């Protein structure tokens, strides 16, 4: 078994000092260019922490994945999902959140750390209306810090260079059948999923 690194001194001894750009890129509110970047993002990962542990949830929309309430506050709709509510439960218990905003074709990522709370306020929900449909709640995110993440990770993974998933990639139905001992999932689940998702997108 490998020995763990247990102190900050041990950790820092293995790495160099961060350069000035890595430290100077941090803002506490939306700047014009950070705003432009985030509003181009239709996909982000929302990370939360709560009494039962951590959760990372992909969030996507057909336009900007968040809206700006003011330069220090972002709004994110909570559209229909599987009703596990892992992220929302965590936010109610512990408001600390992190977000990673991505834009297809760009290897850069913009990160936001802050605190969040939930609301069912009608006016805020109405901002995200899709025809007659509204999100059940809106996540209000108070920005603590916002900064860019260097492109190396997405470059290493060649994230945007392969448009199609590998043929051997397991389907959700196959995974569900495996973990439920065949009680759920399977080929019928996969066959029905596409149409079901289209009907319940918003």
N, C-alpha and C. Protein backbone atom coordinates (compact mmCIF):
# COMPACT_ATOMS: atom_id res chain seq x y z
N UNK A 1 0.84 -1.20 0.00
CA UNK A 1 0.00 0.00 0.00
C UNK A 1 0.88 1.25 0.00
N UNK A 2 0.58 2.19 -0.85
CA UNK A 2 1.37 3.41 -0.94
C UNK A 2 1.16 4.28 0.30
N UNK A 3 2.20 5.01 0.68
CA UNK A 3 2.12 5.91 1.83
C UNK A 3 1.35 7.17 1.44
N UNK A 4 0.41 7.62 2.26
CA UNK A 4 -0.33 8.84 1.94
C UNK A 4 0.49 10.09 2.24
N UNK A 5 0.21 11.15 1.51
CA UNK A 5 0.75 12.46 1.84
C UNK A 5 -0.18 13.07 2.89
N UNK A 6 0.36 13.40 4.06
CA UNK A 6 -0.48 13.77 5.18
C UNK A 6 -0.37 15.22 5.61
N UNK A 7 0.61 15.95 5.11
CA UNK A 7 0.75 17.35 5.53
C UNK A 7 0.88 18.25 4.30
N UNK A 8 0.54 19.51 4.51
CA UNK A 8 0.70 20.48 3.43
C UNK A 8 2.17 20.65 3.06
N UNK A 9 3.05 20.54 4.05
CA UNK A 9 4.48 20.68 3.78
C UNK A 9 4.96 19.59 2.83
N UNK A 10 4.51 18.36 3.05
CA UNK A 10 4.88 17.26 2.16
C UNK A 10 4.36 17.51 0.75
N UNK A 11 3.13 17.99 0.66
CA UNK A 11 2.52 18.24 -0.65
C UNK A 11 3.25 19.35 -1.39
N UNK A 12 3.46 20.46 -0.72
CA UNK A 12 4.08 21.61 -1.38
C UNK A 12 5.50 21.34 -1.81
N UNK A 13 6.18 20.42 -1.12
CA UNK A 13 7.56 20.08 -1.48
C UNK A 13 7.63 19.38 -2.83
N UNK A 14 6.51 18.81 -3.29
CA UNK A 14 6.48 18.07 -4.55
C UNK A 14 6.16 18.95 -5.75
N UNK A 15 5.74 20.19 -5.51
CA UNK A 15 5.30 21.07 -6.58
C UNK A 15 6.01 22.41 -6.51
N UNK A 16 6.07 23.08 -7.64
CA UNK A 16 6.67 24.41 -7.68
C UNK A 16 5.69 25.48 -7.23
N UNK A 17 6.17 26.69 -7.17
CA UNK A 17 5.35 27.84 -6.80
C UNK A 17 4.49 28.26 -8.00
N UNK A 18 3.19 28.55 -7.79
CA UNK A 18 2.37 28.98 -8.92
C UNK A 18 2.86 30.29 -9.50
N UNK A 19 2.76 30.43 -10.82
CA UNK A 19 3.18 31.65 -11.48
C UNK A 19 2.18 32.78 -11.28
N UNK A 20 2.60 33.99 -11.60
CA UNK A 20 1.74 35.16 -11.42
C UNK A 20 0.41 35.04 -12.16
N UNK A 21 0.36 34.56 -13.42
CA UNK A 21 -0.93 34.46 -14.11
C UNK A 21 -1.92 33.55 -13.37
N UNK A 22 -1.43 32.47 -12.76
CA UNK A 22 -2.31 31.55 -12.05
C UNK A 22 -2.97 32.21 -10.85
N UNK A 23 -2.28 33.18 -10.28
CA UNK A 23 -2.82 33.87 -9.11
C UNK A 23 -3.63 35.11 -9.49
N UNK A 24 -3.24 35.78 -10.55
CA UNK A 24 -3.87 37.05 -10.92
C UNK A 24 -5.18 36.86 -11.69
N UNK A 25 -5.46 35.63 -12.16
CA UNK A 25 -6.65 35.41 -13.00
C UNK A 25 -7.95 35.37 -12.20
N UNK A 26 -7.87 35.39 -10.88
CA UNK A 26 -9.06 35.23 -10.05
C UNK A 26 -9.82 36.55 -9.92
N UNK A 27 -11.14 36.49 -10.17
CA UNK A 27 -12.03 37.62 -9.96
C UNK A 27 -13.08 37.23 -8.93
N UNK A 28 -13.68 38.22 -8.30
CA UNK A 28 -14.71 37.96 -7.29
C UNK A 28 -16.12 38.18 -7.82
N UNK A 29 -16.21 38.77 -8.99
CA UNK A 29 -17.50 39.03 -9.63
C UNK A 29 -17.31 38.85 -11.14
N UNK A 30 -18.40 38.81 -11.86
CA UNK A 30 -18.32 38.70 -13.31
C UNK A 30 -17.67 39.96 -13.89
N UNK A 31 -16.64 39.76 -14.67
CA UNK A 31 -16.07 40.83 -15.46
C UNK A 31 -16.68 40.73 -16.87
N UNK A 32 -16.51 41.74 -17.71
CA UNK A 32 -17.10 41.64 -19.06
C UNK A 32 -16.68 40.38 -19.81
N UNK A 33 -15.38 39.99 -19.73
CA UNK A 33 -14.94 38.83 -20.50
C UNK A 33 -15.32 37.51 -19.82
N UNK A 34 -15.28 37.46 -18.49
CA UNK A 34 -15.77 36.24 -17.83
C UNK A 34 -17.26 36.07 -18.11
N UNK A 35 -18.02 37.16 -18.13
CA UNK A 35 -19.44 37.08 -18.46
C UNK A 35 -19.64 36.53 -19.88
N UNK A 36 -18.87 37.04 -20.83
CA UNK A 36 -19.00 36.60 -22.22
C UNK A 36 -18.70 35.11 -22.33
N UNK A 37 -17.71 34.62 -21.61
CA UNK A 37 -17.33 33.21 -21.68
C UNK A 37 -18.43 32.33 -21.09
N UNK A 38 -18.90 32.68 -19.91
CA UNK A 38 -19.91 31.86 -19.24
C UNK A 38 -21.21 31.86 -20.03
N UNK A 39 -21.58 32.97 -20.62
CA UNK A 39 -22.83 33.01 -21.37
C UNK A 39 -22.74 32.25 -22.70
N UNK A 40 -21.54 31.87 -23.09
CA UNK A 40 -21.37 31.00 -24.26
C UNK A 40 -21.46 29.52 -23.88
N UNK A 41 -21.52 29.24 -22.59
CA UNK A 41 -21.50 27.85 -22.12
C UNK A 41 -22.91 27.31 -21.96
N UNK A 42 -23.19 26.19 -22.61
CA UNK A 42 -24.47 25.50 -22.46
C UNK A 42 -24.33 24.23 -21.62
N UNK A 43 -23.12 24.00 -21.07
CA UNK A 43 -22.85 22.80 -20.30
C UNK A 43 -21.91 23.13 -19.16
N UNK A 44 -22.27 22.68 -17.96
CA UNK A 44 -21.35 22.81 -16.84
C UNK A 44 -21.52 21.61 -15.92
N UNK A 45 -20.58 21.45 -15.02
CA UNK A 45 -20.67 20.44 -13.97
C UNK A 45 -20.85 21.18 -12.65
N UNK A 46 -21.90 20.85 -11.92
CA UNK A 46 -22.20 21.43 -10.62
C UNK A 46 -21.75 20.45 -9.54
N UNK A 47 -20.84 20.89 -8.68
CA UNK A 47 -20.35 20.05 -7.59
C UNK A 47 -20.86 20.60 -6.26
N UNK A 48 -21.36 19.70 -5.42
CA UNK A 48 -21.92 20.07 -4.12
C UNK A 48 -21.40 19.13 -3.05
N UNK A 49 -21.60 19.52 -1.79
CA UNK A 49 -21.19 18.69 -0.67
C UNK A 49 -22.27 18.74 0.39
N UNK A 50 -22.56 17.59 0.99
CA UNK A 50 -23.59 17.53 2.01
C UNK A 50 -23.29 16.47 3.03
N UNK A 51 -24.27 16.21 3.90
CA UNK A 51 -24.07 15.27 4.99
C UNK A 51 -23.76 13.86 4.51
N UNK A 52 -24.27 13.50 3.33
CA UNK A 52 -24.07 12.14 2.82
C UNK A 52 -22.90 12.06 1.85
N UNK A 53 -22.16 13.18 1.67
CA UNK A 53 -20.98 13.14 0.80
C UNK A 53 -21.05 14.19 -0.28
N UNK A 54 -20.32 13.95 -1.35
CA UNK A 54 -20.22 14.91 -2.44
C UNK A 54 -21.04 14.44 -3.64
N UNK A 55 -21.28 15.38 -4.57
CA UNK A 55 -22.01 15.05 -5.77
C UNK A 55 -21.53 15.94 -6.91
N UNK A 56 -21.36 15.37 -8.08
CA UNK A 56 -21.04 16.13 -9.28
C UNK A 56 -22.12 15.87 -10.31
N UNK A 57 -22.79 16.91 -10.77
CA UNK A 57 -23.95 16.75 -11.64
C UNK A 57 -23.78 17.57 -12.91
N UNK A 58 -23.89 16.94 -14.10
CA UNK A 58 -23.86 17.73 -15.34
C UNK A 58 -25.15 18.54 -15.48
N UNK A 59 -25.01 19.77 -15.94
CA UNK A 59 -26.16 20.65 -16.15
C UNK A 59 -26.06 21.22 -17.55
N UNK A 60 -27.13 21.13 -18.33
CA UNK A 60 -27.11 21.61 -19.70
C UNK A 60 -28.40 22.30 -20.08
N UNK A 61 -28.33 23.14 -21.11
CA UNK A 61 -29.50 23.85 -21.60
C UNK A 61 -29.32 24.09 -23.09
N UNK A 62 -30.37 24.60 -23.75
CA UNK A 62 -30.27 24.88 -25.18
C UNK A 62 -29.80 26.31 -25.44
N UNK A 63 -29.49 27.02 -24.40
CA UNK A 63 -28.87 28.34 -24.44
C UNK A 63 -27.91 28.40 -23.27
N UNK A 64 -27.58 29.59 -22.78
CA UNK A 64 -26.69 29.66 -21.62
C UNK A 64 -27.21 28.80 -20.47
N UNK A 65 -26.33 28.06 -19.84
CA UNK A 65 -26.74 27.15 -18.78
C UNK A 65 -27.09 27.90 -17.50
N UNK A 66 -26.63 29.15 -17.39
CA UNK A 66 -26.99 30.01 -16.26
C UNK A 66 -27.39 31.38 -16.80
N UNK A 67 -28.07 32.14 -15.96
CA UNK A 67 -28.34 33.55 -16.23
C UNK A 67 -27.67 34.39 -15.14
N UNK A 68 -27.41 35.64 -15.46
CA UNK A 68 -26.84 36.57 -14.49
C UNK A 68 -27.96 37.32 -13.80
N UNK A 69 -27.99 37.27 -12.47
CA UNK A 69 -28.91 38.11 -11.71
C UNK A 69 -28.27 39.47 -11.47
N UNK A 70 -27.01 39.45 -11.07
CA UNK A 70 -26.19 40.65 -10.95
C UNK A 70 -24.74 40.18 -11.06
N UNK A 71 -23.75 41.08 -11.12
CA UNK A 71 -22.37 40.63 -11.35
C UNK A 71 -21.81 39.65 -10.32
N UNK A 72 -22.47 39.54 -9.17
CA UNK A 72 -22.00 38.59 -8.16
C UNK A 72 -22.88 37.38 -7.99
N UNK A 73 -23.92 37.24 -8.85
CA UNK A 73 -24.90 36.19 -8.63
C UNK A 73 -25.33 35.55 -9.95
N UNK A 74 -25.33 34.23 -9.99
CA UNK A 74 -25.79 33.47 -11.15
C UNK A 74 -27.06 32.71 -10.79
N UNK A 75 -27.90 32.47 -11.78
CA UNK A 75 -29.12 31.69 -11.61
C UNK A 75 -29.06 30.45 -12.50
N UNK A 76 -29.39 29.30 -11.94
CA UNK A 76 -29.41 28.04 -12.70
C UNK A 76 -30.75 27.34 -12.48
N UNK A 77 -31.50 27.06 -13.57
CA UNK A 77 -32.76 26.35 -13.40
C UNK A 77 -32.52 24.89 -13.08
N UNK A 78 -33.40 24.31 -12.29
CA UNK A 78 -33.33 22.87 -12.07
C UNK A 78 -34.45 22.21 -12.86
N UNK A 79 -34.08 21.72 -14.06
CA UNK A 79 -35.05 21.07 -14.93
C UNK A 79 -35.27 19.62 -14.48
N UNK A 80 -36.31 19.04 -15.02
CA UNK A 80 -36.71 17.68 -14.67
C UNK A 80 -35.54 16.70 -14.83
N UNK A 81 -35.36 15.85 -13.84
CA UNK A 81 -34.34 14.80 -13.89
C UNK A 81 -34.91 13.51 -13.35
N UNK A 82 -34.11 12.81 -12.57
CA UNK A 82 -34.55 11.51 -12.06
C UNK A 82 -35.14 11.59 -10.65
N UNK A 83 -35.24 12.81 -10.11
CA UNK A 83 -35.81 13.06 -8.79
C UNK A 83 -35.00 12.48 -7.64
N UNK A 84 -33.75 12.11 -7.88
CA UNK A 84 -32.88 11.75 -6.75
C UNK A 84 -32.57 12.98 -5.90
N UNK A 85 -32.44 14.13 -6.56
CA UNK A 85 -32.21 15.41 -5.90
C UNK A 85 -30.91 15.46 -5.11
N UNK A 86 -29.89 14.70 -5.56
CA UNK A 86 -28.64 14.65 -4.81
C UNK A 86 -28.04 16.05 -4.64
N UNK A 87 -27.92 16.81 -5.73
CA UNK A 87 -27.34 18.15 -5.64
C UNK A 87 -28.19 19.07 -4.80
N UNK A 88 -29.50 19.01 -4.98
CA UNK A 88 -30.39 19.92 -4.26
C UNK A 88 -30.41 19.61 -2.77
N UNK A 89 -30.40 18.34 -2.41
CA UNK A 89 -30.32 17.98 -0.99
C UNK A 89 -29.05 18.54 -0.37
N UNK A 90 -27.94 18.42 -1.11
CA UNK A 90 -26.68 18.93 -0.60
C UNK A 90 -26.72 20.44 -0.41
N UNK A 91 -27.28 21.16 -1.38
CA UNK A 91 -27.33 22.61 -1.29
C UNK A 91 -28.16 23.05 -0.08
N UNK A 92 -29.27 22.36 0.19
CA UNK A 92 -30.07 22.69 1.37
C UNK A 92 -29.26 22.47 2.64
N UNK A 93 -28.45 21.40 2.67
CA UNK A 93 -27.68 21.07 3.87
C UNK A 93 -26.40 21.89 3.99
N UNK A 94 -25.77 22.21 2.86
CA UNK A 94 -24.46 22.88 2.86
C UNK A 94 -24.33 23.63 1.54
N UNK A 95 -24.35 24.96 1.60
CA UNK A 95 -24.45 25.76 0.39
C UNK A 95 -23.21 25.83 -0.46
N UNK A 96 -22.10 25.24 -0.06
CA UNK A 96 -20.87 25.35 -0.84
C UNK A 96 -21.02 24.63 -2.18
N UNK A 97 -20.67 25.33 -3.27
CA UNK A 97 -20.76 24.76 -4.61
C UNK A 97 -19.54 25.15 -5.43
N UNK A 98 -19.27 24.34 -6.44
CA UNK A 98 -18.27 24.65 -7.47
C UNK A 98 -18.88 24.30 -8.82
N UNK A 99 -18.54 25.10 -9.83
CA UNK A 99 -19.04 24.87 -11.18
C UNK A 99 -17.89 24.92 -12.16
N UNK A 100 -17.94 24.06 -13.17
CA UNK A 100 -16.99 24.05 -14.26
C UNK A 100 -17.75 24.26 -15.56
N UNK A 101 -17.55 25.42 -16.19
CA UNK A 101 -18.25 25.77 -17.41
C UNK A 101 -17.40 25.38 -18.62
N UNK A 102 -17.99 24.66 -19.57
CA UNK A 102 -17.30 24.21 -20.77
C UNK A 102 -18.01 24.70 -22.02
N UNK A 103 -17.24 24.91 -23.08
CA UNK A 103 -17.78 25.31 -24.38
C UNK A 103 -17.18 24.36 -25.42
N UNK A 104 -17.99 23.60 -26.16
CA UNK A 104 -17.45 22.68 -27.16
C UNK A 104 -16.49 23.37 -28.11
N UNK A 105 -15.36 22.71 -28.33
CA UNK A 105 -14.33 23.26 -29.21
C UNK A 105 -13.26 24.03 -28.49
N UNK A 106 -13.54 24.48 -27.25
CA UNK A 106 -12.53 25.19 -26.47
C UNK A 106 -11.97 24.25 -25.41
N UNK A 107 -10.66 24.21 -25.29
CA UNK A 107 -10.04 23.37 -24.28
C UNK A 107 -9.93 24.07 -22.93
N UNK A 108 -10.34 25.32 -22.87
CA UNK A 108 -10.32 26.04 -21.59
C UNK A 108 -11.61 25.78 -20.83
N UNK A 109 -11.54 25.96 -19.53
CA UNK A 109 -12.68 25.81 -18.65
C UNK A 109 -12.71 27.03 -17.74
N UNK A 110 -13.90 27.52 -17.44
CA UNK A 110 -14.04 28.58 -16.44
C UNK A 110 -14.69 27.98 -15.20
N UNK A 111 -14.08 28.26 -14.06
CA UNK A 111 -14.53 27.68 -12.79
C UNK A 111 -15.10 28.76 -11.90
N UNK A 112 -16.16 28.42 -11.18
CA UNK A 112 -16.76 29.30 -10.19
C UNK A 112 -16.89 28.54 -8.89
N UNK A 113 -16.43 29.13 -7.81
CA UNK A 113 -16.65 28.61 -6.46
C UNK A 113 -17.49 29.62 -5.71
N UNK A 114 -18.42 29.13 -4.90
CA UNK A 114 -19.25 30.05 -4.15
C UNK A 114 -20.23 29.32 -3.25
N UNK A 115 -21.32 30.00 -2.95
CA UNK A 115 -22.37 29.41 -2.12
C UNK A 115 -23.69 29.51 -2.87
N UNK A 116 -24.60 28.60 -2.57
CA UNK A 116 -25.86 28.53 -3.30
C UNK A 116 -27.02 28.29 -2.36
N UNK A 117 -28.20 28.66 -2.82
CA UNK A 117 -29.44 28.35 -2.14
C UNK A 117 -30.53 28.16 -3.19
N UNK A 118 -31.62 27.53 -2.78
CA UNK A 118 -32.71 27.20 -3.70
C UNK A 118 -33.91 28.10 -3.46
N UNK A 119 -34.64 28.36 -4.55
CA UNK A 119 -35.88 29.11 -4.43
C UNK A 119 -36.90 28.58 -5.43
N UNK A 120 -38.16 28.66 -5.05
CA UNK A 120 -39.27 28.37 -5.97
C UNK A 120 -39.97 29.66 -6.36
N UNK A 121 -39.30 30.79 -6.23
CA UNK A 121 -39.86 32.09 -6.56
C UNK A 121 -40.40 32.10 -7.99
N UNK A 122 -41.64 32.54 -8.15
CA UNK A 122 -42.28 32.49 -9.45
C UNK A 122 -41.62 33.37 -10.50
N UNK A 123 -41.18 34.56 -10.12
CA UNK A 123 -40.55 35.45 -11.08
C UNK A 123 -39.22 34.89 -11.58
N UNK A 124 -38.44 34.32 -10.68
CA UNK A 124 -37.16 33.75 -11.11
C UNK A 124 -37.37 32.51 -11.96
N UNK A 125 -38.34 31.69 -11.61
CA UNK A 125 -38.64 30.51 -12.44
C UNK A 125 -39.10 30.94 -13.83
N UNK A 126 -39.89 32.00 -13.90
CA UNK A 126 -40.43 32.47 -15.17
C UNK A 126 -39.32 32.92 -16.13
N UNK A 127 -38.19 33.34 -15.61
CA UNK A 127 -37.07 33.76 -16.47
C UNK A 127 -36.60 32.62 -17.37
N UNK A 128 -36.88 31.37 -16.97
CA UNK A 128 -36.39 30.21 -17.71
C UNK A 128 -37.51 29.46 -18.44
N UNK A 129 -38.65 30.09 -18.62
CA UNK A 129 -39.81 29.41 -19.20
C UNK A 129 -39.49 28.83 -20.57
N UNK A 130 -39.94 27.61 -20.78
CA UNK A 130 -39.89 26.94 -22.09
C UNK A 130 -41.34 26.68 -22.49
N UNK A 131 -41.94 27.63 -23.19
CA UNK A 131 -43.36 27.51 -23.46
C UNK A 131 -44.13 27.61 -22.15
N UNK A 132 -44.92 26.57 -21.84
CA UNK A 132 -45.68 26.54 -20.60
C UNK A 132 -44.92 25.89 -19.45
N UNK A 133 -43.72 25.43 -19.71
CA UNK A 133 -42.98 24.68 -18.69
C UNK A 133 -41.98 25.57 -17.96
N UNK A 134 -41.93 25.36 -16.65
CA UNK A 134 -41.01 26.09 -15.79
C UNK A 134 -40.18 25.11 -14.98
N UNK A 135 -38.96 25.49 -14.61
CA UNK A 135 -38.20 24.62 -13.69
C UNK A 135 -38.89 24.57 -12.34
N UNK A 136 -38.72 23.46 -11.64
CA UNK A 136 -39.34 23.33 -10.31
C UNK A 136 -38.74 24.32 -9.33
N UNK A 137 -37.42 24.51 -9.42
CA UNK A 137 -36.72 25.46 -8.55
C UNK A 137 -35.62 26.13 -9.35
N UNK A 138 -35.04 27.16 -8.77
CA UNK A 138 -33.88 27.85 -9.33
C UNK A 138 -32.79 27.83 -8.28
N UNK A 139 -31.57 27.51 -8.72
CA UNK A 139 -30.41 27.56 -7.84
C UNK A 139 -29.80 28.95 -7.94
N UNK A 140 -29.71 29.65 -6.83
CA UNK A 140 -29.11 30.97 -6.77
C UNK A 140 -27.68 30.81 -6.29
N UNK A 141 -26.72 31.21 -7.11
CA UNK A 141 -25.30 30.97 -6.83
C UNK A 141 -24.61 32.30 -6.59
N UNK A 142 -24.11 32.50 -5.40
CA UNK A 142 -23.38 33.71 -5.05
C UNK A 142 -21.89 33.44 -5.30
N UNK A 143 -21.30 34.18 -6.22
CA UNK A 143 -19.93 33.93 -6.65
C UNK A 143 -18.94 34.31 -5.54
N UNK A 144 -18.07 33.37 -5.19
CA UNK A 144 -16.97 33.66 -4.28
C UNK A 144 -15.71 33.98 -5.05
N UNK A 145 -15.47 33.19 -6.10
CA UNK A 145 -14.32 33.42 -6.98
C UNK A 145 -14.60 32.79 -8.33
N UNK A 146 -14.02 33.39 -9.35
CA UNK A 146 -14.19 32.92 -10.72
C UNK A 146 -12.84 33.01 -11.41
N UNK A 147 -12.46 31.93 -12.11
CA UNK A 147 -11.15 31.92 -12.76
C UNK A 147 -11.11 30.88 -13.86
N UNK A 148 -10.14 31.02 -14.74
CA UNK A 148 -9.97 30.06 -15.83
C UNK A 148 -9.14 28.88 -15.36
N UNK A 149 -9.41 27.72 -15.97
CA UNK A 149 -8.60 26.52 -15.77
C UNK A 149 -7.78 26.31 -17.03
N UNK A 150 -6.49 26.04 -16.88
CA UNK A 150 -5.65 25.87 -18.07
C UNK A 150 -6.14 24.69 -18.92
N UNK A 151 -5.77 24.69 -20.18
CA UNK A 151 -6.34 23.77 -21.16
C UNK A 151 -5.71 22.38 -21.16
N UNK A 152 -4.71 22.15 -20.33
CA UNK A 152 -3.94 20.90 -20.47
C UNK A 152 -4.79 19.64 -20.31
N UNK A 153 -5.72 19.62 -19.36
CA UNK A 153 -6.50 18.41 -19.12
C UNK A 153 -7.34 18.03 -20.34
N UNK A 154 -8.04 19.01 -20.92
CA UNK A 154 -8.87 18.71 -22.09
C UNK A 154 -8.01 18.42 -23.30
N UNK A 155 -6.83 19.04 -23.38
CA UNK A 155 -5.91 18.74 -24.47
C UNK A 155 -5.41 17.30 -24.38
N UNK A 156 -5.04 16.88 -23.17
CA UNK A 156 -4.56 15.50 -22.99
C UNK A 156 -5.62 14.49 -23.40
N UNK A 157 -6.86 14.80 -23.03
CA UNK A 157 -7.96 13.87 -23.31
C UNK A 157 -8.50 13.99 -24.73
N UNK A 158 -8.01 14.98 -25.50
CA UNK A 158 -8.54 15.25 -26.84
C UNK A 158 -10.06 15.29 -26.80
N UNK A 159 -10.59 16.06 -25.85
CA UNK A 159 -12.00 16.03 -25.51
C UNK A 159 -12.94 16.25 -26.69
N UNK A 160 -12.62 17.20 -27.55
CA UNK A 160 -13.55 17.55 -28.61
C UNK A 160 -13.16 16.97 -29.96
N UNK A 161 -12.18 16.08 -29.99
CA UNK A 161 -11.69 15.59 -31.29
C UNK A 161 -12.40 14.33 -31.75
N UNK A 162 -13.15 13.66 -30.87
CA UNK A 162 -13.83 12.42 -31.23
C UNK A 162 -15.33 12.62 -31.10
N UNK A 163 -16.05 12.81 -32.21
CA UNK A 163 -17.48 13.14 -32.11
C UNK A 163 -18.37 11.99 -31.69
N UNK A 164 -17.94 10.75 -31.90
CA UNK A 164 -18.79 9.60 -31.61
C UNK A 164 -18.25 8.80 -30.44
N UNK A 165 -19.16 8.23 -29.64
CA UNK A 165 -18.76 7.40 -28.52
C UNK A 165 -18.19 6.07 -29.03
N UNK A 166 -17.26 5.47 -28.28
CA UNK A 166 -16.73 4.16 -28.68
C UNK A 166 -17.84 3.13 -28.79
N UNK A 167 -17.73 2.25 -29.78
CA UNK A 167 -18.78 1.25 -29.99
C UNK A 167 -18.96 0.32 -28.80
N UNK A 168 -17.88 0.04 -28.08
CA UNK A 168 -17.96 -0.90 -26.97
C UNK A 168 -18.41 -0.27 -25.66
N UNK A 169 -18.74 1.02 -25.67
CA UNK A 169 -19.14 1.70 -24.44
C UNK A 169 -20.46 1.11 -23.94
N UNK A 170 -20.53 0.70 -22.66
CA UNK A 170 -21.78 0.13 -22.14
C UNK A 170 -22.91 1.15 -22.18
N UNK A 171 -24.13 0.70 -22.41
CA UNK A 171 -25.29 1.58 -22.36
C UNK A 171 -25.76 1.71 -20.91
N UNK A 172 -26.60 2.72 -20.67
CA UNK A 172 -27.16 2.88 -19.33
C UNK A 172 -28.03 1.68 -18.98
N UNK A 173 -28.77 1.17 -19.96
CA UNK A 173 -29.60 -0.01 -19.71
C UNK A 173 -28.78 -1.21 -19.27
N UNK A 174 -27.62 -1.40 -19.91
CA UNK A 174 -26.75 -2.52 -19.54
C UNK A 174 -26.19 -2.34 -18.14
N UNK A 175 -25.79 -1.12 -17.81
CA UNK A 175 -25.24 -0.86 -16.47
C UNK A 175 -26.32 -1.05 -15.42
N UNK A 176 -27.53 -0.55 -15.70
CA UNK A 176 -28.63 -0.69 -14.75
C UNK A 176 -28.98 -2.15 -14.52
N UNK A 177 -28.99 -2.94 -15.58
CA UNK A 177 -29.27 -4.37 -15.44
C UNK A 177 -28.20 -5.06 -14.61
N UNK A 178 -26.94 -4.65 -14.80
CA UNK A 178 -25.84 -5.26 -14.05
C UNK A 178 -25.97 -5.00 -12.55
N UNK A 179 -26.20 -3.73 -12.18
CA UNK A 179 -26.20 -3.40 -10.75
C UNK A 179 -27.51 -3.78 -10.06
N UNK A 180 -28.58 -4.03 -10.83
CA UNK A 180 -29.85 -4.43 -10.22
C UNK A 180 -30.12 -5.92 -10.37
N UNK A 181 -29.10 -6.68 -10.78
CA UNK A 181 -29.26 -8.12 -11.00
C UNK A 181 -30.40 -8.42 -11.97
N UNK A 182 -30.52 -7.58 -12.99
CA UNK A 182 -31.50 -7.82 -14.04
C UNK A 182 -32.91 -7.36 -13.73
N UNK A 183 -33.14 -6.75 -12.57
CA UNK A 183 -34.49 -6.32 -12.22
C UNK A 183 -34.90 -5.03 -12.94
N UNK A 184 -33.92 -4.23 -13.34
CA UNK A 184 -34.19 -2.99 -14.06
C UNK A 184 -33.30 -2.94 -15.29
N UNK A 185 -33.62 -2.02 -16.20
CA UNK A 185 -32.73 -1.76 -17.33
C UNK A 185 -32.85 -2.77 -18.45
N UNK A 186 -31.73 -3.02 -19.13
CA UNK A 186 -31.70 -3.93 -20.25
C UNK A 186 -32.00 -3.23 -21.57
N UNK A 187 -32.11 -4.01 -22.63
CA UNK A 187 -32.31 -3.48 -23.98
C UNK A 187 -33.60 -2.69 -24.10
N UNK A 188 -34.66 -3.12 -23.41
CA UNK A 188 -35.94 -2.41 -23.51
C UNK A 188 -35.84 -1.02 -22.91
N UNK A 189 -35.07 -0.88 -21.85
CA UNK A 189 -34.86 0.42 -21.23
C UNK A 189 -34.16 1.36 -22.21
N UNK A 190 -33.10 0.86 -22.83
CA UNK A 190 -32.36 1.69 -23.79
C UNK A 190 -33.24 2.08 -24.99
N UNK A 191 -34.06 1.14 -25.46
CA UNK A 191 -34.89 1.41 -26.63
C UNK A 191 -35.93 2.48 -26.36
N UNK A 192 -36.43 2.53 -25.11
CA UNK A 192 -37.49 3.48 -24.78
C UNK A 192 -36.94 4.82 -24.30
N UNK A 193 -35.67 4.87 -23.95
CA UNK A 193 -35.12 6.06 -23.29
C UNK A 193 -35.16 7.31 -24.17
N UNK A 194 -34.80 7.20 -25.43
CA UNK A 194 -34.73 8.36 -26.29
C UNK A 194 -36.05 9.11 -26.38
N UNK A 195 -37.13 8.39 -26.66
CA UNK A 195 -38.44 9.01 -26.78
C UNK A 195 -38.89 9.58 -25.44
N UNK A 196 -38.59 8.85 -24.37
CA UNK A 196 -38.99 9.32 -23.04
C UNK A 196 -38.27 10.61 -22.68
N UNK A 197 -37.00 10.68 -23.02
CA UNK A 197 -36.21 11.87 -22.71
C UNK A 197 -36.72 13.08 -23.49
N UNK A 198 -37.09 12.88 -24.77
CA UNK A 198 -37.58 13.99 -25.57
C UNK A 198 -38.85 14.59 -24.98
N UNK A 199 -39.71 13.73 -24.43
CA UNK A 199 -40.99 14.21 -23.89
C UNK A 199 -40.80 14.94 -22.57
N UNK A 200 -39.73 14.64 -21.84
CA UNK A 200 -39.55 15.19 -20.51
C UNK A 200 -38.27 16.02 -20.40
N UNK A 201 -37.86 16.64 -21.52
CA UNK A 201 -36.62 17.40 -21.52
C UNK A 201 -36.69 18.58 -20.58
N UNK A 202 -37.85 19.26 -20.54
CA UNK A 202 -37.96 20.47 -19.72
C UNK A 202 -39.02 20.27 -18.65
